[in-house]
Amino acid sequence: MPDTSKQKWLDKGYEHFALYGPESISINKISKEINSSRACFYHYFGDIEVLDSILKFISTDLYLKMQTTS
């Protein structure tokens, strides 16, 4: 079974990244919105820089895909 909790962190993190930018990602805000603990975040990602890197990679990948299909 896939780990849906980690996916919730990624989905909500990406939403915050897109809406507010990487400087405004807040573990506290995201944890409250997805009803998860900060400890859970650190279990999956280690620290905020890891999540930030993942989200930047996803954004770049999506941008490049959009450029090649346009």
PDB file of N, CA and C in Angstrom:
ATOM      1  N   MET A   1       0.848  -1.179   0.000  1.00  0.00           N
ATOM      2  CA  MET A   1       0.000   0.000   0.000  1.00  0.00           C
ATOM      3  C   MET A   1       0.896   1.246   0.000  1.00  0.00           C
ATOM      4  N   PRO A   2       0.602   2.236  -0.883  1.00  0.00           N
ATOM      5  CA  PRO A   2       1.419   3.444  -0.923  1.00  0.00           C
ATOM      6  C   PRO A   2       1.278   4.263   0.353  1.00  0.00           C
ATOM      7  N   ASP A   3       2.305   5.020   0.645  1.00  0.00           N
ATOM      8  CA  ASP A   3       2.320   5.847   1.844  1.00  0.00           C
ATOM      9  C   ASP A   3       1.584   7.152   1.548  1.00  0.00           C
ATOM     10  N   THR A   4       0.296   7.197   1.888  1.00  0.00           N
ATOM     11  CA  THR A   4      -0.511   8.367   1.562  1.00  0.00           C
ATOM     12  C   THR A   4      -0.163   9.567   2.431  1.00  0.00           C
ATOM     13  N   SER A   5       0.347   9.344   3.627  1.00  0.00           N
ATOM     14  CA  SER A   5       0.715  10.456   4.500  1.00  0.00           C
ATOM     15  C   SER A   5       1.859  11.270   3.890  1.00  0.00           C
ATOM     16  N   LYS A   6       2.857  10.595   3.372  1.00  0.00           N
ATOM     17  CA  LYS A   6       3.969  11.301   2.738  1.00  0.00           C
ATOM     18  C   LYS A   6       3.465  12.054   1.508  1.00  0.00           C
ATOM     19  N   GLN A   7       2.567  11.432   0.766  1.00  0.00           N
ATOM     20  CA  GLN A   7       2.014  12.087  -0.419  1.00  0.00           C
ATOM     21  C   GLN A   7       1.217  13.331  -0.040  1.00  0.00           C
ATOM     22  N   LYS A   8       0.513  13.286   1.082  1.00  0.00           N
ATOM     23  CA  LYS A   8      -0.216  14.472   1.555  1.00  0.00           C
ATOM     24  C   LYS A   8       0.749  15.616   1.833  1.00  0.00           C
ATOM     25  N   TRP A   9       1.878  15.299   2.449  1.00  0.00           N
ATOM     26  CA  TRP A   9       2.900  16.323   2.713  1.00  0.00           C
ATOM     27  C   TRP A   9       3.391  16.919   1.398  1.00  0.00           C
ATOM     28  N   LEU A  10       3.656  16.076   0.413  1.00  0.00           N
ATOM     29  CA  LEU A  10       4.146  16.562  -0.880  1.00  0.00           C
ATOM     30  C   LEU A  10       3.097  17.410  -1.590  1.00  0.00           C
ATOM     31  N   ASP A  11       1.861  16.925  -1.605  1.00  0.00           N
ATOM     32  CA  ASP A  11       0.792  17.656  -2.293  1.00  0.00           C
ATOM     33  C   ASP A  11       0.559  19.023  -1.665  1.00  0.00           C
ATOM     34  N   LYS A  12       0.427  19.059  -0.352  1.00  0.00           N
ATOM     35  CA  LYS A  12       0.171  20.321   0.332  1.00  0.00           C
ATOM     36  C   LYS A  12       1.407  21.217   0.264  1.00  0.00           C
ATOM     37  N   GLY A  13       2.594  20.626   0.354  1.00  0.00           N
ATOM     38  CA  GLY A  13       3.827  21.397   0.221  1.00  0.00           C
ATOM     39  C   GLY A  13       3.926  22.049  -1.148  1.00  0.00           C
ATOM     40  N   TYR A  14       3.566  21.302  -2.174  1.00  0.00           N
ATOM     41  CA  TYR A  14       3.596  21.859  -3.526  1.00  0.00           C
ATOM     42  C   TYR A  14       2.578  22.980  -3.661  1.00  0.00           C
ATOM     43  N   GLU A  15       1.404  22.804  -3.057  1.00  0.00           N
ATOM     44  CA  GLU A  15       0.380  23.851  -3.091  1.00  0.00           C
ATOM     45  C   GLU A  15       0.910  25.136  -2.441  1.00  0.00           C
ATOM     46  N   HIS A  16       1.515  25.001  -1.270  1.00  0.00           N
ATOM     47  CA  HIS A  16       2.083  26.164  -0.583  1.00  0.00           C
ATOM     48  C   HIS A  16       3.233  26.764  -1.388  1.00  0.00           C
ATOM     49  N   PHE A  17       4.058  25.919  -1.977  1.00  0.00           N
ATOM     50  CA  PHE A  17       5.175  26.367  -2.811  1.00  0.00           C
ATOM     51  C   PHE A  17       4.649  27.206  -3.970  1.00  0.00           C
ATOM     52  N   ALA A  18       3.605  26.723  -4.629  1.00  0.00           N
ATOM     53  CA  ALA A  18       3.049  27.418  -5.787  1.00  0.00           C
ATOM     54  C   ALA A  18       2.360  28.728  -5.387  1.00  0.00           C
ATOM     55  N   LEU A  19       1.667  28.714  -4.257  1.00  0.00           N
ATOM     56  CA  LEU A  19       0.918  29.892  -3.829  1.00  0.00           C
ATOM     57  C   LEU A  19       1.782  30.965  -3.175  1.00  0.00           C
ATOM     58  N   TYR A  20       2.730  30.551  -2.361  1.00  0.00           N
ATOM     59  CA  TYR A  20       3.455  31.500  -1.517  1.00  0.00           C
ATOM     60  C   TYR A  20       4.953  31.587  -1.786  1.00  0.00           C
ATOM     61  N   GLY A  21       5.483  30.675  -2.595  1.00  0.00           N
ATOM     62  CA  GLY A  21       6.910  30.654  -2.872  1.00  0.00           C
ATOM     63  C   GLY A  21       7.675  29.816  -1.863  1.00  0.00           C
ATOM     64  N   PRO A  22       8.889  29.429  -2.203  1.00  0.00           N
ATOM     65  CA  PRO A  22       9.662  28.530  -1.342  1.00  0.00           C
ATOM     66  C   PRO A  22      10.042  29.130   0.006  1.00  0.00           C
ATOM     67  N   GLU A  23      10.167  30.449   0.078  1.00  0.00           N
ATOM     68  CA  GLU A  23      10.570  31.079   1.329  1.00  0.00           C
ATOM     69  C   GLU A  23       9.465  31.033   2.387  1.00  0.00           C
ATOM     70  N   SER A  24       8.231  30.817   1.956  1.00  0.00           N
ATOM     71  CA  SER A  24       7.096  30.883   2.872  1.00  0.00           C
ATOM     72  C   SER A  24       6.516  29.516   3.229  1.00  0.00           C
ATOM     73  N   ILE A  25       7.199  28.445   2.860  1.00  0.00           N
ATOM     74  CA  ILE A  25       6.708  27.120   3.236  1.00  0.00           C
ATOM     75  C   ILE A  25       6.856  26.968   4.745  1.00  0.00           C
ATOM     76  N   SER A  26       5.760  26.582   5.388  1.00  0.00           N
ATOM     77  CA  SER A  26       5.748  26.440   6.839  1.00  0.00           C
ATOM     78  C   SER A  26       5.322  25.023   7.222  1.00  0.00           C
ATOM     79  N   ILE A  27       6.209  24.331   7.906  1.00  0.00           N
ATOM     80  CA  ILE A  27       5.889  22.986   8.377  1.00  0.00           C
ATOM     81  C   ILE A  27       4.686  23.036   9.311  1.00  0.00           C
ATOM     82  N   ASN A  28       4.621  24.047  10.160  1.00  0.00           N
ATOM     83  CA  ASN A  28       3.500  24.174  11.090  1.00  0.00           C
ATOM     84  C   ASN A  28       2.172  24.323  10.360  1.00  0.00           C
ATOM     85  N   LYS A  29       2.122  25.201   9.374  1.00  0.00           N
ATOM     86  CA  LYS A  29       0.878  25.422   8.628  1.00  0.00           C
ATOM     87  C   LYS A  29       0.455  24.160   7.891  1.00  0.00           C
ATOM     88  N   ILE A  30       1.396  23.542   7.212  1.00  0.00           N
ATOM     89  CA  ILE A  30       1.064  22.338   6.445  1.00  0.00           C
ATOM     90  C   ILE A  30       0.602  21.224   7.379  1.00  0.00           C
ATOM     91  N   SER A  31       1.295  21.038   8.490  1.00  0.00           N
ATOM     92  CA  SER A  31       0.919  19.957   9.411  1.00  0.00           C
ATOM     93  C   SER A  31      -0.503  20.148   9.927  1.00  0.00           C
ATOM     94  N   LYS A  32      -0.891  21.389  10.203  1.00  0.00           N
ATOM     95  CA  LYS A  32      -2.258  21.657  10.663  1.00  0.00           C
ATOM     96  C   LYS A  32      -3.270  21.392   9.560  1.00  0.00           C
ATOM     97  N   GLU A  33      -2.943  21.775   8.338  1.00  0.00           N
ATOM     98  CA  GLU A  33      -3.874  21.606   7.223  1.00  0.00           C
ATOM     99  C   GLU A  33      -4.099  20.137   6.860  1.00  0.00           C
ATOM    100  N   ILE A  34      -3.094  19.312   7.046  1.00  0.00           N
ATOM    101  CA  ILE A  34      -3.255  17.895   6.698  1.00  0.00           C
ATOM    102  C   ILE A  34      -3.447  17.008   7.929  1.00  0.00           C
ATOM    103  N   ASN A  35      -3.565  17.638   9.087  1.00  0.00           N
ATOM    104  CA  ASN A  35      -3.755  16.898  10.344  1.00  0.00           C
ATOM    105  C   ASN A  35      -2.671  15.853  10.578  1.00  0.00           C
ATOM    106  N   SER A  36      -1.440  16.319  10.494  1.00  0.00           N
ATOM    107  CA  SER A  36      -0.292  15.451  10.706  1.00  0.00           C
ATOM    108  C   SER A  36       0.673  16.155  11.666  1.00  0.00           C
ATOM    109  N   SER A  37       1.562  15.397  12.251  1.00  0.00           N
ATOM    110  CA  SER A  37       2.504  15.984  13.200  1.00  0.00           C
ATOM    111  C   SER A  37       3.780  16.447  12.509  1.00  0.00           C
ATOM    112  N   ARG A  38       4.453  17.382  13.160  1.00  0.00           N
ATOM    113  CA  ARG A  38       5.767  17.813  12.666  1.00  0.00           C
ATOM    114  C   ARG A  38       6.753  16.646  12.692  1.00  0.00           C
ATOM    115  N   ALA A  39       6.621  15.778  13.673  1.00  0.00           N
ATOM    116  CA  ALA A  39       7.501  14.602  13.762  1.00  0.00           C
ATOM    117  C   ALA A  39       7.360  13.735  12.516  1.00  0.00           C
ATOM    118  N   CYS A  40       6.142  13.640  12.021  1.00  0.00           N
ATOM    119  CA  CYS A  40       5.903  12.872  10.793  1.00  0.00           C
ATOM    120  C   CYS A  40       6.662  13.500   9.631  1.00  0.00           C
ATOM    121  N   PHE A  41       6.619  14.831   9.547  1.00  0.00           N
ATOM    122  CA  PHE A  41       7.368  15.528   8.505  1.00  0.00           C
ATOM    123  C   PHE A  41       8.845  15.167   8.564  1.00  0.00           C
ATOM    124  N   TYR A  42       9.429  15.282   9.748  1.00  0.00           N
ATOM    125  CA  TYR A  42      10.861  15.020   9.891  1.00  0.00           C
ATOM    126  C   TYR A  42      11.195  13.559   9.632  1.00  0.00           C
ATOM    127  N   HIS A  43      10.249  12.670   9.899  1.00  0.00           N
ATOM    128  CA  HIS A  43      10.449  11.249   9.589  1.00  0.00           C
ATOM    129  C   HIS A  43      10.597  11.062   8.078  1.00  0.00           C
ATOM    130  N   TYR A  44       9.752  11.733   7.305  1.00  0.00           N
ATOM    131  CA  TYR A  44       9.771  11.568   5.848  1.00  0.00           C
ATOM    132  C   TYR A  44      10.877  12.355   5.160  1.00  0.00           C
ATOM    133  N   PHE A  45      11.150  13.574   5.619  1.00  0.00           N
ATOM    134  CA  PHE A  45      12.008  14.470   4.858  1.00  0.00           C
ATOM    135  C   PHE A  45      13.295  14.893   5.554  1.00  0.00           C
ATOM    136  N   GLY A  46      13.384  14.749   6.842  1.00  0.00           N
ATOM    137  CA  GLY A  46      14.594  15.157   7.543  1.00  0.00           C
ATOM    138  C   GLY A  46      14.603  16.626   7.913  1.00  0.00           C
ATOM    139  N   ASP A  47      14.483  17.504   6.912  1.00  0.00           N
ATOM    140  CA  ASP A  47      14.382  18.931   7.198  1.00  0.00           C
ATOM    141  C   ASP A  47      13.712  19.647   6.039  1.00  0.00           C
ATOM    142  N   ILE A  48      13.436  20.921   6.237  1.00  0.00           N
ATOM    143  CA  ILE A  48      12.699  21.716   5.258  1.00  0.00           C
ATOM    144  C   ILE A  48      13.451  21.841   3.938  1.00  0.00           C
ATOM    145  N   GLU A  49      14.774  21.819   3.968  1.00  0.00           N
ATOM    146  CA  GLU A  49      15.540  21.950   2.729  1.00  0.00           C
ATOM    147  C   GLU A  49      15.312  20.765   1.796  1.00  0.00           C
ATOM    148  N   VAL A  50      15.093  19.593   2.364  1.00  0.00           N
ATOM    149  CA  VAL A  50      14.827  18.414   1.527  1.00  0.00           C
ATOM    150  C   VAL A  50      13.501  18.592   0.802  1.00  0.00           C
ATOM    151  N   LEU A  51      12.455  18.982   1.536  1.00  0.00           N
ATOM    152  CA  LEU A  51      11.155  19.217   0.904  1.00  0.00           C
ATOM    153  C   LEU A  51      11.274  20.327  -0.127  1.00  0.00           C
ATOM    154  N   ASP A  52      11.955  21.390   0.185  1.00  0.00           N
ATOM    155  CA  ASP A  52      12.145  22.501  -0.738  1.00  0.00           C
ATOM    156  C   ASP A  52      12.813  22.027  -2.023  1.00  0.00           C
ATOM    157  N   SER A  53      13.829  21.197  -1.904  1.00  0.00           N
ATOM    158  CA  SER A  53      14.525  20.663  -3.088  1.00  0.00           C
ATOM    159  C   SER A  53      13.605  19.804  -3.936  1.00  0.00           C
ATOM    160  N   ILE A  54      12.814  18.969  -3.274  1.00  0.00           N
ATOM    161  CA  ILE A  54      11.868  18.114  -4.003  1.00  0.00           C
ATOM    162  C   ILE A  54      10.859  18.970  -4.763  1.00  0.00           C
ATOM    163  N   LEU A  55      10.312  19.985  -4.107  1.00  0.00           N
ATOM    164  CA  LEU A  55       9.317  20.838  -4.739  1.00  0.00           C
ATOM    165  C   LEU A  55       9.910  21.636  -5.887  1.00  0.00           C
ATOM    166  N   LYS A  56      11.139  22.112  -5.738  1.00  0.00           N
ATOM    167  CA  LYS A  56      11.802  22.833  -6.832  1.00  0.00           C
ATOM    168  C   LYS A  56      12.025  21.895  -8.020  1.00  0.00           C
ATOM    169  N   PHE A  57      12.404  20.658  -7.742  1.00  0.00           N
ATOM    170  CA  PHE A  57      12.608  19.684  -8.811  1.00  0.00           C
ATOM    171  C   PHE A  57      11.292  19.431  -9.544  1.00  0.00           C
ATOM    172  N   ILE A  58      10.209  19.237  -8.784  1.00  0.00           N
ATOM    173  CA  ILE A  58       8.900  18.995  -9.398  1.00  0.00           C
ATOM    174  C   ILE A  58       8.498  20.184 -10.260  1.00  0.00           C
ATOM    175  N   SER A  59       8.683  21.389  -9.744  1.00  0.00           N
ATOM    176  CA  SER A  59       8.328  22.598 -10.490  1.00  0.00           C
ATOM    177  C   SER A  59       9.122  22.708 -11.781  1.00  0.00           C
ATOM    178  N   THR A  60      10.403  22.466 -11.709  1.00  0.00           N
ATOM    179  CA  THR A  60      11.260  22.533 -12.895  1.00  0.00           C
ATOM    180  C   THR A  60      10.863  21.472 -13.901  1.00  0.00           C
ATOM    181  N   ASP A  61      10.608  20.272 -13.427  1.00  0.00           N
ATOM    182  CA  ASP A  61      10.199  19.172 -14.297  1.00  0.00           C
ATOM    183  C   ASP A  61       8.883  19.502 -14.998  1.00  0.00           C
ATOM    184  N   LEU A  62       7.905  20.015 -14.263  1.00  0.00           N
ATOM    185  CA  LEU A  62       6.624  20.387 -14.865  1.00  0.00           C
ATOM    186  C   LEU A  62       6.800  21.504 -15.885  1.00  0.00           C
ATOM    187  N   TYR A  63       7.615  22.490 -15.553  1.00  0.00           N
ATOM    188  CA  TYR A  63       7.874  23.594 -16.475  1.00  0.00           C
ATOM    189  C   TYR A  63       8.495  23.084 -17.774  1.00  0.00           C
ATOM    190  N   LEU A  64       9.490  22.218 -17.654  1.00  0.00           N
ATOM    191  CA  LEU A  64      10.144  21.680 -18.851  1.00  0.00           C
ATOM    192  C   LEU A  64       9.180  20.858 -19.696  1.00  0.00           C
ATOM    193  N   LYS A  65       8.324  20.081 -19.050  1.00  0.00           N
ATOM    194  CA  LYS A  65       7.327  19.290 -19.790  1.00  0.00           C
ATOM    195  C   LYS A  65       6.353  20.212 -20.524  1.00  0.00           C
ATOM    196  N   MET A  66       5.957  21.290 -19.883  1.00  0.00           N
ATOM    197  CA  MET A  66       5.055  22.237 -20.522  1.00  0.00           C
ATOM    198  C   MET A  66       5.721  22.891 -21.733  1.00  0.00           C
ATOM    199  N   GLN A  67       6.998  23.167 -21.639  1.00  0.00           N
ATOM    200  CA  GLN A  67       7.729  23.806 -22.732  1.00  0.00           C
ATOM    201  C   GLN A  67       7.854  22.879 -23.940  1.00  0.00           C
ATOM    202  N   THR A  68       8.027  21.590 -23.679  1.00  0.00           N
ATOM    203  CA  THR A  68       8.203  20.656 -24.790  1.00  0.00           C
ATOM    204  C   THR A  68       6.876  20.270 -25.447  1.00  0.00           C
ATOM    205  N   THR A  69       5.758  20.458 -24.751  1.00  0.00           N
ATOM    206  CA  THR A  69       4.460  20.124 -25.337  1.00  0.00           C
ATOM    207  C   THR A  69       3.784  21.328 -25.961  1.00  0.00           C
ATOM    208  N   SER A  70       4.373  22.524 -25.793  1.00  0.00           N
ATOM    209  CA  SER A  70       3.761  23.752 -26.352  1.00  0.00           C
ATOM    210  C   SER A  70       4.130  23.929 -27.795  1.00  0.00           C
TER     211      SER A  70
END
